[in-house]
C-alpha atoms as a PDB file:
ATOM      1  CA  MET A   1     -17.217   4.774  -8.624  1.00  0.00           C
ATOM      2  CA  THR A   2     -17.960   2.628  -5.628  1.00  0.00           C
ATOM      3  CA  GLY A   3     -16.785   3.151  -2.032  1.00  0.00           C
ATOM      4  CA  VAL A   4     -13.349   3.130  -0.497  1.00  0.00           C
ATOM      5  CA  SER A   5     -13.205  -0.679  -0.586  1.00  0.00           C
ATOM      6  CA  SER A   6     -12.658  -0.316  -4.338  1.00  0.00           C
ATOM      7  CA  LEU A   7      -9.166   0.925  -3.562  1.00  0.00           C
ATOM      8  CA  GLY A   8      -8.203  -2.725  -3.069  1.00  0.00           C
ATOM      9  CA  ALA A   9      -6.333  -4.413  -0.259  1.00  0.00           C
ATOM     10  CA  PHE A  10      -5.556  -2.267   2.767  1.00  0.00           C
ATOM     11  CA  SER A  11      -2.421  -2.411   4.891  1.00  0.00           C
ATOM     12  CA  ILE A  12      -0.391  -0.285   7.239  1.00  0.00           C
ATOM     13  CA  SER A  13       3.164   0.370   6.060  1.00  0.00           C
ATOM     14  CA  LEU A  14       5.715   1.006   8.793  1.00  0.00           C
ATOM     15  CA  PRO A  15       9.288   2.218   8.528  1.00  0.00           C
ATOM     16  CA  VAL A  16      11.553   0.039  10.685  1.00  0.00           C
ATOM     17  CA  GLU A  17      15.140   0.337  11.920  1.00  0.00           C
ATOM     18  CA  ASP A  18      15.939  -3.386  11.794  1.00  0.00           C
ATOM     19  CA  LEU A  19      13.726  -5.546   9.588  1.00  0.00           C
ATOM     20  CA  ALA A  20      14.652  -8.871  11.216  1.00  0.00           C
ATOM     21  CA  VAL A  21      13.977  -7.562  14.731  1.00  0.00           C
ATOM     22  CA  SER A  22      10.631  -6.113  13.649  1.00  0.00           C
ATOM     23  CA  ILE A  23       9.583  -9.333  11.892  1.00  0.00           C
ATOM     24  CA  ALA A  24      10.403 -11.318  15.048  1.00  0.00           C
ATOM     25  CA  PHE A  25       8.332  -8.891  17.145  1.00  0.00           C
ATOM     26  CA  TYR A  26       5.256  -9.072  14.913  1.00  0.00           C
ATOM     27  CA  GLU A  27       5.522 -12.856  14.627  1.00  0.00           C
ATOM     28  CA  LYS A  28       5.125 -12.948  18.431  1.00  0.00           C
ATOM     29  CA  LEU A  29       1.835 -11.085  17.904  1.00  0.00           C
ATOM     30  CA  GLY A  30       0.690 -13.850  15.555  1.00  0.00           C
ATOM     31  CA  PHE A  31       1.673 -12.359  12.189  1.00  0.00           C
ATOM     32  CA  SER A  32       3.255 -14.553   9.525  1.00  0.00           C
ATOM     33  CA  ALA A  33       5.314 -13.614   6.481  1.00  0.00           C
ATOM     34  CA  LEU A  34       3.386 -13.116   3.249  1.00  0.00           C
ATOM     35  CA  GLY A  35       6.340 -12.124   1.074  1.00  0.00           C
ATOM     36  CA  GLY A  36       8.985  -9.499   0.602  1.00  0.00           C
ATOM     37  CA  GLU A  37      12.619  -8.808  -0.138  1.00  0.00           C
ATOM     38  CA  GLU A  38      15.207  -9.893   2.416  1.00  0.00           C
ATOM     39  CA  GLY A  39      16.813  -6.953   4.179  1.00  0.00           C
ATOM     40  CA  ALA A  40      14.468  -4.401   2.562  1.00  0.00           C
ATOM     41  CA  TRP A  41      10.797  -5.114   3.219  1.00  0.00           C
ATOM     42  CA  MET A  42       8.333  -7.776   4.331  1.00  0.00           C
ATOM     43  CA  MET A  43       4.549  -8.090   4.204  1.00  0.00           C
ATOM     44  CA  LEU A  44       3.004  -9.847   7.185  1.00  0.00           C
ATOM     45  CA  VAL A  45      -0.540 -11.097   7.732  1.00  0.00           C
ATOM     46  CA  ASN A  46      -2.656 -11.967  10.754  1.00  0.00           C
ATOM     47  CA  GLY A  47      -6.211 -12.883   9.742  1.00  0.00           C
ATOM     48  CA  THR A  48      -7.357 -10.002   7.540  1.00  0.00           C
ATOM     49  CA  ALA A  49      -4.784  -7.591   8.996  1.00  0.00           C
ATOM     50  CA  VAL A  50      -1.900  -6.871   6.619  1.00  0.00           C
ATOM     51  CA  LEU A  51       1.231  -5.068   7.760  1.00  0.00           C
ATOM     52  CA  GLY A  52       4.171  -3.951   5.647  1.00  0.00           C
ATOM     53  CA  LEU A  53       7.576  -3.438   7.272  1.00  0.00           C
ATOM     54  CA  PHE A  54      10.054  -1.334   5.284  1.00  0.00           C
ATOM     55  CA  GLN A  55      13.681  -0.760   6.237  1.00  0.00           C
ATOM     56  CA  GLY A  56      15.224   2.463   4.924  1.00  0.00           C
ATOM     57  CA  MET A  57      12.513   3.148   2.349  1.00  0.00           C
ATOM     58  CA  PHE A  58      10.503   5.966   3.969  1.00  0.00           C
ATOM     59  CA  ASP A  59      10.398   7.837   7.260  1.00  0.00           C
ATOM     60  CA  LYS A  60       6.736   7.917   8.252  1.00  0.00           C
ATOM     61  CA  PRO A  61       4.035   5.262   8.735  1.00  0.00           C
ATOM     62  CA  MET A  62       1.398   5.305   6.003  1.00  0.00           C
ATOM     63  CA  LEU A  63      -1.883   3.789   4.984  1.00  0.00           C
ATOM     64  CA  THR A  64      -1.529   1.704   1.827  1.00  0.00           C
ATOM     65  CA  PHE A  65      -4.145   0.564  -0.681  1.00  0.00           C
ATOM     66  CA  ASN A  66      -3.451  -1.872  -3.533  1.00  0.00           C
ATOM     67  CA  PRO A  67      -5.897  -1.721  -6.455  1.00  0.00           C
ATOM     68  CA  GLY A  68      -6.206  -5.142  -8.074  1.00  0.00           C
ATOM     69  CA  TRP A  69      -5.606  -7.092  -4.874  1.00  0.00           C
ATOM     70  CA  ALA A  70      -8.068  -8.616  -2.433  1.00  0.00           C
ATOM     71  CA  GLN A  71      -7.291  -8.411   1.278  1.00  0.00           C
ATOM     72  CA  ASN A  72      -5.818 -11.953   1.174  1.00  0.00           C
ATOM     73  CA  ALA A  73      -3.306 -10.806  -1.527  1.00  0.00           C
ATOM     74  CA  SER A  74      -5.096 -12.662  -4.308  1.00  0.00           C
ATOM     75  CA  GLU A  75      -5.650 -10.878  -7.602  1.00  0.00           C
ATOM     76  CA  LEU A  76      -9.067  -9.365  -8.289  1.00  0.00           C
ATOM     77  CA  SER A  77     -10.494 -10.075 -11.741  1.00  0.00           C
ATOM     78  CA  GLU A  78     -12.066  -6.613 -11.912  1.00  0.00           C
ATOM     79  CA  PHE A  79     -10.822  -3.435 -10.271  1.00  0.00           C
ATOM     80  CA  ILE A  80     -10.555   0.305 -10.804  1.00  0.00           C
ATOM     81  CA  ASP A  81      -7.183   1.118 -12.366  1.00  0.00           C
ATOM     82  CA  ILE A  82      -4.892   3.391 -10.395  1.00  0.00           C
ATOM     83  CA  ARG A  83      -4.895   5.997 -13.183  1.00  0.00           C
ATOM     84  CA  ILE A  84      -8.653   6.407 -12.779  1.00  0.00           C
ATOM     85  CA  TRP A  85      -8.191   6.771  -9.027  1.00  0.00           C
ATOM     86  CA  ARG A  86      -5.525   9.408  -9.575  1.00  0.00           C
ATOM     87  CA  GLU A  87      -7.713  11.407 -11.965  1.00  0.00           C
ATOM     88  CA  THR A  88     -10.765  11.128  -9.693  1.00  0.00           C
ATOM     89  CA  LEU A  89      -8.909  12.211  -6.564  1.00  0.00           C
ATOM     90  CA  ALA A  90      -7.161  15.088  -8.342  1.00  0.00           C
ATOM     91  CA  LYS A  91     -10.523  16.311  -9.699  1.00  0.00           C
ATOM     92  CA  ALA A  92     -11.871  16.137  -6.129  1.00  0.00           C
ATOM     93  CA  GLY A  93      -9.157  18.627  -5.144  1.00  0.00           C
ATOM     94  CA  LEU A  94      -6.627  16.338  -3.501  1.00  0.00           C
ATOM     95  CA  ALA A  95      -2.970  17.081  -4.125  1.00  0.00           C
ATOM     96  CA  VAL A  96      -1.241  14.082  -5.676  1.00  0.00           C
ATOM     97  CA  ASP A  97       2.416  13.444  -4.761  1.00  0.00           C
ATOM     98  CA  ALA A  98       5.077  10.904  -5.769  1.00  0.00           C
ATOM     99  CA  ASP A  99       3.054  10.194  -8.900  1.00  0.00           C
ATOM    100  CA  ASN A 100       4.353   7.782 -11.526  1.00  0.00           C
ATOM    101  CA  THR A 101       0.971   6.972 -13.102  1.00  0.00           C
ATOM    102  CA  GLY A 102       1.705   9.018 -16.220  1.00  0.00           C
ATOM    103  CA  GLU A 103       4.555   6.774 -17.323  1.00  0.00           C
ATOM    104  CA  SER A 104       2.182   4.104 -18.719  1.00  0.00           C
ATOM    105  CA  THR A 105      -1.477   3.515 -19.487  1.00  0.00           C
ATOM    106  CA  GLU A 106      -1.796   0.231 -17.590  1.00  0.00           C
ATOM    107  CA  GLY A 107       0.017  -2.012 -15.154  1.00  0.00           C
ATOM    108  CA  PRO A 108       2.027  -1.161 -12.056  1.00  0.00           C
ATOM    109  CA  ALA A 109       2.059   2.443 -10.835  1.00  0.00           C
ATOM    110  CA  SER A 110       1.678   4.424  -7.631  1.00  0.00           C
ATOM    111  CA  PHE A 111       0.936   7.828  -6.163  1.00  0.00           C
ATOM    112  CA  MET A 112       0.374   9.381  -2.756  1.00  0.00           C
ATOM    113  CA  VAL A 113      -2.088  11.756  -1.169  1.00  0.00           C
ATOM    114  CA  VAL A 114      -1.770  13.280   2.298  1.00  0.00           C
ATOM    115  CA  ASP A 115      -4.669  13.630   4.721  1.00  0.00           C
ATOM    116  CA  PRO A 116      -5.374  16.936   6.527  1.00  0.00           C
ATOM    117  CA  ASP A 117      -3.175  15.862   9.469  1.00  0.00           C
ATOM    118  CA  GLY A 118      -0.145  15.094   7.325  1.00  0.00           C
ATOM    119  CA  ASN A 119      -0.589  11.316   7.211  1.00  0.00           C
ATOM    120  CA  PRO A 120       0.561   9.861   3.875  1.00  0.00           C
ATOM    121  CA  ILE A 121      -1.674   7.475   1.954  1.00  0.00           C
ATOM    122  CA  LEU A 122      -0.019   5.341  -0.715  1.00  0.00           C
ATOM    123  CA  ILE A 123      -2.073   3.981  -3.615  1.00  0.00           C
ATOM    124  CA  ASP A 124       0.143   1.264  -5.089  1.00  0.00           C
ATOM    125  CA  GLN A 125      -0.994  -0.959  -7.963  1.00  0.00           C
ATOM    126  CA  HIS A 126       1.222  -4.001  -8.590  1.00  0.00           C
ATOM    127  CA  ARG A 127      -0.356  -5.339 -11.779  1.00  0.00           C
END
């Protein structure tokens, strides 16, 4: 397995109280909408920085990695499937939470790990 960059695109996912207010704030910082679901979540981009804003979906900021995506949200032709990541991290002794990788052998799935300080890390494959 190669380094952490193999986890795919990186973003910070933030819980927000009011999605529209938060979008307006980050647009003032130079972010622009990349896509989302009105009233629920929005992905924003500024250069290579990607930020996810999520209203009512979780209560703590988290690091997010998307296997199969490049940092510009384009699809990668080759990537390490999330199920391999899950198996590798579990074998390395990391506790895996919120795991739905066992429901299929390919395609979309996700799981979480938590760093030693309690910060959640979401591994979320969309394809």
